[in-house]
Amino acid sequence: MEPKHKRRVRYSGTHPKKYNEKYKELNPDLYPETIEKVIKKGSTPVGMHLSIMVNEILEFLDIQEGQIGLDCTLGYGGHTLKMLECLNHTGHMYALDIDPIESVKTKERLFNKGYGEELLTIKQCNFKDIDYVSKEVGLFDFVLADLGVSSMQIDNPERGFSYKKEGPLDLRLNPEKGIPASQKLQELNKTQLEQLFIDNSNEPYAKEIAKNIDSFLKTGRLIETTTDLYKIIEKSLSFIPVNERKESIKKSAARVFQALRIEVNNEFDVLIEFMEKLPNILKSGGRVAILTFHSGEDRIVKKAFKEMKNLGIYSDAARNVIRPSKEECHMNSRAKSTKMRWAIKD
């Protein structure tokens, strides 16, 4: 019996606006022309992720056939795919991802491109657990860690990563573990919130925003959605001159959501643990490249590489940060904040 034809999602107006209405963008293999148009406009199609600094990464890693590689943050699989292509159906790629939703989709996507389990092994785990992975499979010739949140996570309102879309205030990279941001807010007092926004995102209006969140929660109401939190941020910045207010609210909202995401997922502690374990999973001469997306991450990576190079653990490490090209930033606005650092095991 043939399956019933599934009608496309109906939407008002000439173009779909909501996430689940964008049926073409959510099926990139079926609508390549639409995807190309969206990317050429400098946007990322929903449900997709455009890999950043691919050429710079591959140039540094200098992947040779037969090598064993590790992508610590699989995501949409774009970087993994390019590294697999360099291996040319030899050697083996391992890839990690904490997200149980997206990793399954990516595994199927890469399998359909001809990369089955004989060439690619995907493990659902946090990249801080690289030591356990290495104990099981051995040392690696090259390692990549892209620390950014994937675009398909940001774009899906059900994940609660963006203030731009109404959804539950979740922010967990693995929604099956830990507590959502909405619950985390209830556990922190005004002083803790203020410090959180300063430490995790250098928020200039941390005091005002923390005060209003605290006042709101003390009335017995909950901050359950992304819109709930955005409205509190908006109210907190009402003292800013009208001609500057809109842009200031947008920037503060982005920083507050980032700060909460870092807290909910314990991202700084995870990164510090990862950097400590990293040299022990690399072969002699093994190469590692790391992409960071905000100053807190970059400081941790820079400090670890510098200290371990001084100790002779790394034979070389990037003296200066590498940035994406102007052309890439024009094609993908989400690349603008990216910094790449690298190191080579002694």
C-alpha atoms as a PDB file:
ATOM      1  CA  MET A   1       0.000   0.000   0.000  1.00  0.00           C
ATOM      2  CA  GLU A   2       1.462   3.342  -1.070  1.00  0.00           C
ATOM      3  CA  PRO A   3       1.836   6.013   1.639  1.00  0.00           C
ATOM      4  CA  LYS A   4      -0.596   8.892   1.432  1.00  0.00           C
ATOM      5  CA  HIS A   5       0.712  12.033  -0.222  1.00  0.00           C
ATOM      6  CA  LYS A   6       1.636  14.541   2.454  1.00  0.00           C
ATOM      7  CA  ARG A   7       0.549  18.068   1.621  1.00  0.00           C
ATOM      8  CA  ARG A   8       3.037  20.835   2.258  1.00  0.00           C
ATOM      9  CA  VAL A   9       2.557  23.153   5.200  1.00  0.00           C
ATOM     10  CA  ARG A  10       0.161  26.018   4.496  1.00  0.00           C
ATOM     11  CA  TYR A  11       1.133  29.559   5.442  1.00  0.00           C
ATOM     12  CA  SER A  12      -0.220  33.072   5.031  1.00  0.00           C
ATOM     13  CA  GLY A  13       1.421  35.555   2.687  1.00  0.00           C
ATOM     14  CA  THR A  14       3.843  34.954  -0.163  1.00  0.00           C
ATOM     15  CA  HIS A  15       6.699  33.488   1.897  1.00  0.00           C
ATOM     16  CA  PRO A  16       6.773  31.163   4.914  1.00  0.00           C
ATOM     17  CA  LYS A  17       7.831  32.913   8.140  1.00  0.00           C
ATOM     18  CA  LYS A  18       7.544  30.319  10.906  1.00  0.00           C
ATOM     19  CA  TYR A  19      10.112  27.544  11.389  1.00  0.00           C
ATOM     20  CA  ASN A  20       7.812  24.613  10.565  1.00  0.00           C
ATOM     21  CA  GLU A  21       6.394  26.397   7.498  1.00  0.00           C
ATOM     22  CA  LYS A  22       9.744  26.608   5.718  1.00  0.00           C
ATOM     23  CA  TYR A  23       9.358  23.185   4.152  1.00  0.00           C
ATOM     24  CA  LYS A  24      11.865  23.843   1.366  1.00  0.00           C
ATOM     25  CA  GLU A  25      14.658  24.975   3.687  1.00  0.00           C
ATOM     26  CA  LEU A  26      13.968  22.029   5.994  1.00  0.00           C
ATOM     27  CA  ASN A  27      14.508  19.646   3.049  1.00  0.00           C
ATOM     28  CA  PRO A  28      17.714  20.926   1.421  1.00  0.00           C
ATOM     29  CA  ASP A  29      18.267  17.833  -0.752  1.00  0.00           C
ATOM     30  CA  LEU A  30      14.873  18.278  -2.395  1.00  0.00           C
ATOM     31  CA  TYR A  31      15.105  22.033  -3.015  1.00  0.00           C
ATOM     32  CA  PRO A  32      18.764  22.873  -3.838  1.00  0.00           C
ATOM     33  CA  GLU A  33      17.840  26.010  -5.818  1.00  0.00           C
ATOM     34  CA  THR A  34      15.977  27.517  -2.853  1.00  0.00           C
ATOM     35  CA  ILE A  35      18.868  26.674  -0.520  1.00  0.00           C
ATOM     36  CA  GLU A  36      21.342  28.336  -2.876  1.00  0.00           C
ATOM     37  CA  LYS A  37      19.226  31.504  -3.015  1.00  0.00           C
ATOM     38  CA  VAL A  38      18.969  31.709   0.787  1.00  0.00           C
ATOM     39  CA  ILE A  39      22.737  31.259   1.218  1.00  0.00           C
ATOM     40  CA  LYS A  40      23.562  33.825  -1.485  1.00  0.00           C
ATOM     41  CA  LYS A  41      21.484  36.374   0.437  1.00  0.00           C
ATOM     42  CA  GLY A  42      23.821  35.873   3.402  1.00  0.00           C
ATOM     43  CA  SER A  43      21.337  33.795   5.407  1.00  0.00           C
ATOM     44  CA  THR A  44      21.489  30.259   6.775  1.00  0.00           C
ATOM     45  CA  PRO A  45      18.566  28.024   5.727  1.00  0.00           C
ATOM     46  CA  VAL A  46      16.597  26.826   8.763  1.00  0.00           C
ATOM     47  CA  GLY A  47      17.460  23.301   9.824  1.00  0.00           C
ATOM     48  CA  MET A  48      20.922  23.662   8.280  1.00  0.00           C
ATOM     49  CA  HIS A  49      24.333  24.766   9.473  1.00  0.00           C
ATOM     50  CA  LEU A  50      27.001  26.334   7.267  1.00  0.00           C
ATOM     51  CA  SER A  51      30.415  25.103   8.358  1.00  0.00           C
ATOM     52  CA  ILE A  52      32.808  27.926   9.176  1.00  0.00           C
ATOM     53  CA  MET A  53      36.470  28.330   8.098  1.00  0.00           C
ATOM     54  CA  VAL A  54      36.557  24.963   6.303  1.00  0.00           C
ATOM     55  CA  ASN A  55      39.514  25.907   4.061  1.00  0.00           C
ATOM     56  CA  GLU A  56      41.575  27.280   6.952  1.00  0.00           C
ATOM     57  CA  ILE A  57      40.909  24.180   9.059  1.00  0.00           C
ATOM     58  CA  LEU A  58      41.799  21.716   6.293  1.00  0.00           C
ATOM     59  CA  GLU A  59      44.921  23.660   5.365  1.00  0.00           C
ATOM     60  CA  PHE A  60      46.195  23.466   8.934  1.00  0.00           C
ATOM     61  CA  LEU A  61      45.162  19.872   9.717  1.00  0.00           C
ATOM     62  CA  ASP A  62      46.896  18.665   6.507  1.00  0.00           C
ATOM     63  CA  ILE A  63      44.922  15.402   6.551  1.00  0.00           C
ATOM     64  CA  GLN A  64      46.605  12.395   4.932  1.00  0.00           C
ATOM     65  CA  GLU A  65      44.965   9.216   3.683  1.00  0.00           C
ATOM     66  CA  GLY A  66      44.849   6.469   6.285  1.00  0.00           C
ATOM     67  CA  GLN A  67      44.846   8.810   9.283  1.00  0.00           C
ATOM     68  CA  ILE A  68      42.518   8.654  12.288  1.00  0.00           C
ATOM     69  CA  GLY A  69      40.581  11.849  13.073  1.00  0.00           C
ATOM     70  CA  LEU A  70      38.143  13.168  15.664  1.00  0.00           C
ATOM     71  CA  ASP A  71      35.466  15.825  15.264  1.00  0.00           C
ATOM     72  CA  CYS A  72      34.559  16.697  18.857  1.00  0.00           C
ATOM     73  CA  THR A  73      31.411  18.602  17.879  1.00  0.00           C
ATOM     74  CA  LEU A  74      29.644  16.870  14.992  1.00  0.00           C
ATOM     75  CA  GLY A  75      26.657  19.210  14.631  1.00  0.00           C
ATOM     76  CA  TYR A  76      25.306  19.253  11.067  1.00  0.00           C
ATOM     77  CA  GLY A  77      28.337  17.249   9.923  1.00  0.00           C
ATOM     78  CA  GLY A  78      29.781  19.762   7.453  1.00  0.00           C
ATOM     79  CA  HIS A  79      33.313  19.729   8.856  1.00  0.00           C
ATOM     80  CA  THR A  80      33.202  15.950   9.325  1.00  0.00           C
ATOM     81  CA  LEU A  81      32.174  15.474   5.699  1.00  0.00           C
ATOM     82  CA  LYS A  82      35.094  17.557   4.408  1.00  0.00           C
ATOM     83  CA  MET A  83      37.555  15.661   6.612  1.00  0.00           C
ATOM     84  CA  LEU A  84      36.126  12.347   5.370  1.00  0.00           C
ATOM     85  CA  GLU A  85      36.630  13.546   1.796  1.00  0.00           C
ATOM     86  CA  CYS A  86      40.295  14.257   2.590  1.00  0.00           C
ATOM     87  CA  LEU A  87      40.683  10.714   3.925  1.00  0.00           C
ATOM     88  CA  ASN A  88      39.336   9.431   0.589  1.00  0.00           C
ATOM     89  CA  HIS A  89      37.631   6.312   2.000  1.00  0.00           C
ATOM     90  CA  THR A  90      40.705   5.325   4.018  1.00  0.00           C
ATOM     91  CA  GLY A  91      41.475   5.635   7.738  1.00  0.00           C
ATOM     92  CA  HIS A  92      38.604   6.481  10.065  1.00  0.00           C
ATOM     93  CA  MET A  93      36.701   9.460  11.456  1.00  0.00           C
ATOM     94  CA  TYR A  94      35.191   9.561  14.920  1.00  0.00           C
ATOM     95  CA  ALA A  95      32.666  12.243  15.823  1.00  0.00           C
ATOM     96  CA  LEU A  96      31.024  13.277  19.090  1.00  0.00           C
ATOM     97  CA  ASP A  97      27.830  15.167  19.803  1.00  0.00           C
ATOM     98  CA  ILE A  98      25.871  15.671  23.010  1.00  0.00           C
ATOM     99  CA  ASP A  99      22.651  16.470  21.127  1.00  0.00           C
ATOM    100  CA  PRO A 100      20.486  13.313  20.775  1.00  0.00           C
ATOM    101  CA  ILE A 101      18.152  15.015  18.308  1.00  0.00           C
ATOM    102  CA  GLU A 102      20.564  16.373  15.709  1.00  0.00           C
ATOM    103  CA  SER A 103      23.223  13.635  15.885  1.00  0.00           C
ATOM    104  CA  VAL A 104      20.728  11.038  14.624  1.00  0.00           C
ATOM    105  CA  LYS A 105      19.818  13.240  11.653  1.00  0.00           C
ATOM    106  CA  THR A 106      23.466  13.884  10.839  1.00  0.00           C
ATOM    107  CA  LYS A 107      24.379  10.202  11.001  1.00  0.00           C
ATOM    108  CA  GLU A 108      21.667   9.413   8.444  1.00  0.00           C
ATOM    109  CA  ARG A 109      22.731  12.348   6.252  1.00  0.00           C
ATOM    110  CA  LEU A 110      26.375  11.217   6.143  1.00  0.00           C
ATOM    111  CA  PHE A 111      25.409   7.564   5.674  1.00  0.00           C
ATOM    112  CA  ASN A 112      23.389   8.566   2.601  1.00  0.00           C
ATOM    113  CA  LYS A 113      26.518  10.230   1.229  1.00  0.00           C
ATOM    114  CA  GLY A 114      28.401   6.938   1.423  1.00  0.00           C
ATOM    115  CA  TYR A 115      30.034   7.168   4.841  1.00  0.00           C
ATOM    116  CA  GLY A 116      28.922   4.163   6.837  1.00  0.00           C
ATOM    117  CA  GLU A 117      30.285   2.730  10.072  1.00  0.00           C
ATOM    118  CA  GLU A 118      33.383   1.305   8.381  1.00  0.00           C
ATOM    119  CA  LEU A 119      34.552   4.918   7.829  1.00  0.00           C
ATOM    120  CA  LEU A 120      32.683   6.935  10.462  1.00  0.00           C
ATOM    121  CA  THR A 121      31.798   6.265  14.089  1.00  0.00           C
ATOM    122  CA  ILE A 122      29.447   8.712  15.840  1.00  0.00           C
ATOM    123  CA  LYS A 123      29.192   8.696  19.614  1.00  0.00           C
ATOM    124  CA  GLN A 124      26.626  10.628  21.629  1.00  0.00           C
ATOM    125  CA  CYS A 125      28.720  12.087  24.424  1.00  0.00           C
ATOM    126  CA  ASN A 126      30.119  15.358  25.722  1.00  0.00           C
ATOM    127  CA  PHE A 127      33.476  16.299  24.215  1.00  0.00           C
ATOM    128  CA  LYS A 128      34.967  16.595  27.710  1.00  0.00           C
ATOM    129  CA  ASP A 129      34.911  12.783  27.714  1.00  0.00           C
ATOM    130  CA  ILE A 130      37.537  12.500  24.955  1.00  0.00           C
ATOM    131  CA  ASP A 131      39.778  10.505  27.294  1.00  0.00           C
ATOM    132  CA  TYR A 132      37.212   7.693  27.473  1.00  0.00           C
ATOM    133  CA  VAL A 133      36.826   7.727  23.696  1.00  0.00           C
ATOM    134  CA  SER A 134      40.607   7.572  23.208  1.00  0.00           C
ATOM    135  CA  LYS A 135      40.959   4.681  25.666  1.00  0.00           C
ATOM    136  CA  GLU A 136      38.512   2.763  23.502  1.00  0.00           C
ATOM    137  CA  VAL A 137      39.794   3.622  20.011  1.00  0.00           C
ATOM    138  CA  GLY A 138      43.385   4.889  20.422  1.00  0.00           C
ATOM    139  CA  LEU A 139      45.195   8.163  19.688  1.00  0.00           C
ATOM    140  CA  PHE A 140      44.296  10.627  16.936  1.00  0.00           C
ATOM    141  CA  ASP A 141      46.265  12.195  14.086  1.00  0.00           C
ATOM    142  CA  PHE A 142      44.001  15.243  13.978  1.00  0.00           C
ATOM    143  CA  VAL A 143      41.244  16.772  16.102  1.00  0.00           C
ATOM    144  CA  LEU A 144      38.711  19.536  15.494  1.00  0.00           C
ATOM    145  CA  ALA A 145      36.451  21.245  18.029  1.00  0.00           C
ATOM    146  CA  ASP A 146      33.918  23.800  16.775  1.00  0.00           C
ATOM    147  CA  LEU A 147      32.534  25.300  19.983  1.00  0.00           C
ATOM    148  CA  GLY A 148      29.624  27.186  18.442  1.00  0.00           C
ATOM    149  CA  VAL A 149      25.968  26.258  18.800  1.00  0.00           C
ATOM    150  CA  SER A 150      24.707  24.847  15.506  1.00  0.00           C
ATOM    151  CA  SER A 151      22.369  26.950  13.404  1.00  0.00           C
ATOM    152  CA  MET A 152      19.709  24.233  13.345  1.00  0.00           C
ATOM    153  CA  GLN A 153      19.612  24.376  17.155  1.00  0.00           C
ATOM    154  CA  ILE A 154      19.324  28.172  17.133  1.00  0.00           C
ATOM    155  CA  ASP A 155      16.641  28.188  14.443  1.00  0.00           C
ATOM    156  CA  ASN A 156      14.352  25.620  16.083  1.00  0.00           C
ATOM    157  CA  PRO A 157      12.071  27.579  18.473  1.00  0.00           C
ATOM    158  CA  GLU A 158      11.406  24.419  20.498  1.00  0.00           C
ATOM    159  CA  ARG A 159      15.034  24.471  21.683  1.00  0.00           C
ATOM    160  CA  GLY A 160      14.749  28.004  23.114  1.00  0.00           C
ATOM    161  CA  PHE A 161      18.197  29.220  22.030  1.00  0.00           C
ATOM    162  CA  SER A 162      17.101  32.478  20.414  1.00  0.00           C
ATOM    163  CA  TYR A 163      15.199  35.490  21.721  1.00  0.00           C
ATOM    164  CA  LYS A 164      13.982  36.096  18.157  1.00  0.00           C
ATOM    165  CA  LYS A 165      11.501  33.218  18.248  1.00  0.00           C
ATOM    166  CA  GLU A 166       8.809  32.316  20.771  1.00  0.00           C
ATOM    167  CA  GLY A 167       9.538  29.013  22.458  1.00  0.00           C
ATOM    168  CA  PRO A 168      10.198  27.351  25.811  1.00  0.00           C
ATOM    169  CA  LEU A 169      13.190  28.905  27.600  1.00  0.00           C
ATOM    170  CA  ASP A 170      15.274  25.726  27.514  1.00  0.00           C
ATOM    171  CA  LEU A 171      18.806  26.322  26.110  1.00  0.00           C
ATOM    172  CA  ARG A 172      20.055  22.792  26.847  1.00  0.00           C
ATOM    173  CA  LEU A 173      22.339  21.226  24.244  1.00  0.00           C
ATOM    174  CA  ASN A 174      21.033  17.874  25.461  1.00  0.00           C
ATOM    175  CA  PRO A 175      17.342  18.368  26.362  1.00  0.00           C
ATOM    176  CA  GLU A 176      17.297  14.946  28.001  1.00  0.00           C
ATOM    177  CA  LYS A 177      19.672  15.968  30.800  1.00  0.00           C
ATOM    178  CA  GLY A 178      20.001  18.781  33.325  1.00  0.00           C
ATOM    179  CA  ILE A 179      17.505  21.574  33.887  1.00  0.00           C
ATOM    180  CA  PRO A 180      16.216  24.194  31.429  1.00  0.00           C
ATOM    181  CA  ALA A 181      17.110  27.875  31.686  1.00  0.00           C
ATOM    182  CA  SER A 182      13.610  28.682  32.943  1.00  0.00           C
ATOM    183  CA  GLN A 183      14.287  26.562  36.036  1.00  0.00           C
ATOM    184  CA  LYS A 184      17.869  27.784  36.416  1.00  0.00           C
ATOM    185  CA  LEU A 185      16.594  31.374  36.743  1.00  0.00           C
ATOM    186  CA  GLN A 186      14.501  30.349  39.743  1.00  0.00           C
ATOM    187  CA  GLU A 187      17.596  29.007  41.529  1.00  0.00           C
ATOM    188  CA  LEU A 188      19.662  32.197  41.307  1.00  0.00           C
ATOM    189  CA  ASN A 189      19.280  35.368  43.371  1.00  0.00           C
ATOM    190  CA  LYS A 190      19.771  38.915  42.105  1.00  0.00           C
ATOM    191  CA  THR A 191      23.487  39.060  42.932  1.00  0.00           C
ATOM    192  CA  GLN A 192      24.177  35.672  41.347  1.00  0.00           C
ATOM    193  CA  LEU A 193      22.296  36.648  38.183  1.00  0.00           C
ATOM    194  CA  GLU A 194      24.211  39.893  37.850  1.00  0.00           C
ATOM    195  CA  GLN A 195      27.548  38.098  38.251  1.00  0.00           C
ATOM    196  CA  LEU A 196      26.465  35.437  35.778  1.00  0.00           C
ATOM    197  CA  PHE A 197      25.710  38.009  33.071  1.00  0.00           C
ATOM    198  CA  ILE A 198      29.026  39.767  33.686  1.00  0.00           C
ATOM    199  CA  ASP A 199      31.186  36.633  33.818  1.00  0.00           C
ATOM    200  CA  ASN A 200      29.616  34.812  30.881  1.00  0.00           C
ATOM    201  CA  SER A 201      28.910  37.625  28.438  1.00  0.00           C
ATOM    202  CA  ASN A 202      30.272  40.959  29.731  1.00  0.00           C
ATOM    203  CA  GLU A 203      26.726  42.377  29.826  1.00  0.00           C
ATOM    204  CA  PRO A 204      26.945  46.152  30.552  1.00  0.00           C
ATOM    205  CA  TYR A 205      23.395  46.282  31.943  1.00  0.00           C
ATOM    206  CA  ALA A 206      23.733  43.143  34.071  1.00  0.00           C
ATOM    207  CA  LYS A 207      22.607  44.928  37.262  1.00  0.00           C
ATOM    208  CA  GLU A 208      19.406  46.347  35.752  1.00  0.00           C
ATOM    209  CA  ILE A 209      18.426  43.081  34.025  1.00  0.00           C
ATOM    210  CA  ALA A 210      19.177  40.928  37.091  1.00  0.00           C
ATOM    211  CA  LYS A 211      17.111  43.262  39.276  1.00  0.00           C
ATOM    212  CA  ASN A 212      14.073  43.040  36.988  1.00  0.00           C
ATOM    213  CA  ILE A 213      14.307  39.249  36.617  1.00  0.00           C
ATOM    214  CA  ASP A 214      14.497  38.912  40.388  1.00  0.00           C
ATOM    215  CA  SER A 215      11.539  41.278  40.913  1.00  0.00           C
ATOM    216  CA  PHE A 216       9.449  39.428  38.331  1.00  0.00           C
ATOM    217  CA  LEU A 217      10.101  36.029  39.934  1.00  0.00           C
ATOM    218  CA  LYS A 218       9.327  37.366  43.423  1.00  0.00           C
ATOM    219  CA  THR A 219       5.777  38.121  42.301  1.00  0.00           C
ATOM    220  CA  GLY A 220       5.273  34.369  41.955  1.00  0.00           C
ATOM    221  CA  ARG A 221       5.284  34.390  38.172  1.00  0.00           C
ATOM    222  CA  LEU A 222       7.585  32.194  36.080  1.00  0.00           C
ATOM    223  CA  ILE A 223       9.816  33.075  33.124  1.00  0.00           C
ATOM    224  CA  GLU A 224       8.822  30.143  30.956  1.00  0.00           C
ATOM    225  CA  THR A 225       9.359  31.314  27.376  1.00  0.00           C
ATOM    226  CA  THR A 226      11.981  33.145  25.335  1.00  0.00           C
ATOM    227  CA  THR A 227       9.500  35.995  24.898  1.00  0.00           C
ATOM    228  CA  ASP A 228       8.964  36.271  28.665  1.00  0.00           C
ATOM    229  CA  LEU A 229      12.684  36.846  29.184  1.00  0.00           C
ATOM    230  CA  TYR A 230      12.997  39.195  26.214  1.00  0.00           C
ATOM    231  CA  LYS A 231      10.206  41.416  27.557  1.00  0.00           C
ATOM    232  CA  ILE A 232      11.981  41.713  30.921  1.00  0.00           C
ATOM    233  CA  ILE A 233      15.220  42.700  29.160  1.00  0.00           C
ATOM    234  CA  GLU A 234      13.246  45.200  27.097  1.00  0.00           C
ATOM    235  CA  LYS A 235      11.724  46.722  30.237  1.00  0.00           C
ATOM    236  CA  SER A 236      15.131  46.818  31.966  1.00  0.00           C
ATOM    237  CA  LEU A 237      16.581  49.003  29.229  1.00  0.00           C
ATOM    238  CA  SER A 238      13.681  51.438  28.967  1.00  0.00           C
ATOM    239  CA  PHE A 239      15.924  54.228  30.330  1.00  0.00           C
ATOM    240  CA  ILE A 240      18.097  54.172  27.164  1.00  0.00           C
ATOM    241  CA  PRO A 241      17.363  56.989  24.660  1.00  0.00           C
ATOM    242  CA  VAL A 242      14.739  55.955  22.107  1.00  0.00           C
ATOM    243  CA  ASN A 243      17.062  56.237  19.105  1.00  0.00           C
ATOM    244  CA  GLU A 244      19.545  53.800  20.713  1.00  0.00           C
ATOM    245  CA  ARG A 245      17.147  51.531  22.567  1.00  0.00           C
ATOM    246  CA  LYS A 246      16.197  48.990  19.896  1.00  0.00           C
ATOM    247  CA  GLU A 247      19.810  48.074  19.071  1.00  0.00           C
ATOM    248  CA  SER A 248      20.826  48.018  22.742  1.00  0.00           C
ATOM    249  CA  ILE A 249      17.955  45.665  23.639  1.00  0.00           C
ATOM    250  CA  LYS A 250      18.872  43.340  20.772  1.00  0.00           C
ATOM    251  CA  LYS A 251      22.538  43.150  21.845  1.00  0.00           C
ATOM    252  CA  SER A 252      21.729  42.701  25.525  1.00  0.00           C
ATOM    253  CA  ALA A 253      19.198  39.966  24.731  1.00  0.00           C
ATOM    254  CA  ALA A 254      21.829  38.090  22.705  1.00  0.00           C
ATOM    255  CA  ARG A 255      24.328  38.387  25.569  1.00  0.00           C
ATOM    256  CA  VAL A 256      21.848  37.336  28.272  1.00  0.00           C
ATOM    257  CA  PHE A 257      20.737  34.277  26.295  1.00  0.00           C
ATOM    258  CA  GLN A 258      24.394  33.400  25.699  1.00  0.00           C
ATOM    259  CA  ALA A 259      25.217  33.766  29.389  1.00  0.00           C
ATOM    260  CA  LEU A 260      22.311  31.510  30.378  1.00  0.00           C
ATOM    261  CA  ARG A 261      23.207  28.912  27.749  1.00  0.00           C
ATOM    262  CA  ILE A 262      26.792  28.774  29.065  1.00  0.00           C
ATOM    263  CA  GLU A 263      25.489  28.333  32.623  1.00  0.00           C
ATOM    264  CA  VAL A 264      22.848  25.720  31.784  1.00  0.00           C
ATOM    265  CA  ASN A 265      25.367  23.593  29.853  1.00  0.00           C
ATOM    266  CA  ASN A 266      28.325  24.289  32.164  1.00  0.00           C
ATOM    267  CA  GLU A 267      30.280  25.250  29.049  1.00  0.00           C
ATOM    268  CA  PHE A 268      33.350  26.902  30.571  1.00  0.00           C
ATOM    269  CA  ASP A 269      34.058  24.009  32.957  1.00  0.00           C
ATOM    270  CA  VAL A 270      33.537  21.538  30.111  1.00  0.00           C
ATOM    271  CA  LEU A 271      35.996  23.433  27.904  1.00  0.00           C
ATOM    272  CA  ILE A 272      38.633  23.668  30.647  1.00  0.00           C
ATOM    273  CA  GLU A 273      38.400  19.900  31.233  1.00  0.00           C
ATOM    274  CA  PHE A 274      38.608  19.268  27.483  1.00  0.00           C
ATOM    275  CA  MET A 275      41.726  21.425  27.096  1.00  0.00           C
ATOM    276  CA  GLU A 276      43.449  19.582  29.977  1.00  0.00           C
ATOM    277  CA  LYS A 277      42.753  16.157  28.441  1.00  0.00           C
ATOM    278  CA  LEU A 278      43.395  17.129  24.816  1.00  0.00           C
ATOM    279  CA  PRO A 279      47.178  16.478  24.571  1.00  0.00           C
ATOM    280  CA  ASN A 280      46.720  12.958  25.933  1.00  0.00           C
ATOM    281  CA  ILE A 281      44.555  11.862  22.989  1.00  0.00           C
ATOM    282  CA  LEU A 282      46.918  13.136  20.262  1.00  0.00           C
ATOM    283  CA  LYS A 283      49.669  11.170  18.585  1.00  0.00           C
ATOM    284  CA  SER A 284      53.126  12.758  18.438  1.00  0.00           C
ATOM    285  CA  GLY A 285      52.842  15.386  15.690  1.00  0.00           C
ATOM    286  CA  GLY A 286      49.054  15.278  15.986  1.00  0.00           C
ATOM    287  CA  ARG A 287      47.246  18.497  15.104  1.00  0.00           C
ATOM    288  CA  VAL A 288      44.262  20.197  16.745  1.00  0.00           C
ATOM    289  CA  ALA A 289      42.182  23.156  15.562  1.00  0.00           C
ATOM    290  CA  ILE A 290      39.584  24.888  17.745  1.00  0.00           C
ATOM    291  CA  LEU A 291      36.922  27.409  16.727  1.00  0.00           C
ATOM    292  CA  THR A 292      35.617  29.759  19.432  1.00  0.00           C
ATOM    293  CA  PHE A 293      32.796  32.286  19.259  1.00  0.00           C
ATOM    294  CA  HIS A 294      33.179  34.595  22.243  1.00  0.00           C
ATOM    295  CA  SER A 295      35.972  36.025  24.352  1.00  0.00           C
ATOM    296  CA  GLY A 296      35.448  33.708  27.340  1.00  0.00           C
ATOM    297  CA  GLU A 297      36.007  30.594  25.238  1.00  0.00           C
ATOM    298  CA  ASP A 298      38.953  32.112  23.399  1.00  0.00           C
ATOM    299  CA  ARG A 299      40.725  33.071  26.643  1.00  0.00           C
ATOM    300  CA  ILE A 300      40.504  29.484  27.913  1.00  0.00           C
ATOM    301  CA  VAL A 301      41.860  28.020  24.656  1.00  0.00           C
ATOM    302  CA  LYS A 302      44.613  30.636  24.295  1.00  0.00           C
ATOM    303  CA  LYS A 303      45.800  30.182  27.887  1.00  0.00           C
ATOM    304  CA  ALA A 304      45.850  26.364  27.681  1.00  0.00           C
ATOM    305  CA  PHE A 305      47.771  26.288  24.394  1.00  0.00           C
ATOM    306  CA  LYS A 306      50.306  28.860  25.639  1.00  0.00           C
ATOM    307  CA  GLU A 307      50.929  27.116  28.958  1.00  0.00           C
ATOM    308  CA  MET A 308      51.289  23.669  27.391  1.00  0.00           C
ATOM    309  CA  LYS A 309      53.600  24.960  24.670  1.00  0.00           C
ATOM    310  CA  ASN A 310      55.816  26.496  27.368  1.00  0.00           C
ATOM    311  CA  LEU A 311      55.872  23.106  29.100  1.00  0.00           C
ATOM    312  CA  GLY A 312      56.931  21.399  25.871  1.00  0.00           C
ATOM    313  CA  ILE A 313      53.676  19.448  25.558  1.00  0.00           C
ATOM    314  CA  TYR A 314      52.918  21.170  22.237  1.00  0.00           C
ATOM    315  CA  SER A 315      55.783  21.736  19.813  1.00  0.00           C
ATOM    316  CA  ASP A 316      53.980  24.718  18.306  1.00  0.00           C
ATOM    317  CA  ALA A 317      50.786  26.728  18.807  1.00  0.00           C
ATOM    318  CA  ALA A 318      49.126  29.644  17.049  1.00  0.00           C
ATOM    319  CA  ARG A 319      50.668  32.941  18.074  1.00  0.00           C
ATOM    320  CA  ASN A 320      47.813  34.935  16.595  1.00  0.00           C
ATOM    321  CA  VAL A 321      44.154  34.165  16.189  1.00  0.00           C
ATOM    322  CA  ILE A 322      42.942  33.282  12.677  1.00  0.00           C
ATOM    323  CA  ARG A 323      39.724  34.918  11.458  1.00  0.00           C
ATOM    324  CA  PRO A 324      37.321  33.992   8.641  1.00  0.00           C
ATOM    325  CA  SER A 325      37.643  35.947   5.405  1.00  0.00           C
ATOM    326  CA  LYS A 326      35.472  38.964   4.600  1.00  0.00           C
ATOM    327  CA  GLU A 327      33.902  36.937   1.807  1.00  0.00           C
ATOM    328  CA  GLU A 328      32.863  34.175   4.202  1.00  0.00           C
ATOM    329  CA  CYS A 329      31.445  36.663   6.711  1.00  0.00           C
ATOM    330  CA  HIS A 330      29.408  38.238   3.904  1.00  0.00           C
ATOM    331  CA  MET A 331      28.008  34.842   2.889  1.00  0.00           C
ATOM    332  CA  ASN A 332      27.483  33.699   6.490  1.00  0.00           C
ATOM    333  CA  SER A 333      26.897  36.411   9.089  1.00  0.00           C
ATOM    334  CA  ARG A 334      27.229  33.834  11.886  1.00  0.00           C
ATOM    335  CA  ALA A 335      30.938  33.508  11.028  1.00  0.00           C
ATOM    336  CA  LYS A 336      31.791  37.067  12.078  1.00  0.00           C
ATOM    337  CA  SER A 337      32.666  36.323  15.704  1.00  0.00           C
ATOM    338  CA  THR A 338      34.702  33.176  14.928  1.00  0.00           C
ATOM    339  CA  LYS A 339      38.300  32.773  16.086  1.00  0.00           C
ATOM    340  CA  MET A 340      40.512  29.807  15.211  1.00  0.00           C
ATOM    341  CA  ARG A 341      43.509  28.655  17.244  1.00  0.00           C
ATOM    342  CA  TRP A 342      45.676  25.585  16.668  1.00  0.00           C
ATOM    343  CA  ALA A 343      48.429  23.502  18.240  1.00  0.00           C
ATOM    344  CA  ILE A 344      50.717  20.584  17.326  1.00  0.00           C
ATOM    345  CA  LYS A 345      51.571  17.823  19.802  1.00  0.00           C
ATOM    346  CA  ASP A 346      55.288  17.394  20.509  1.00  0.00           C
END
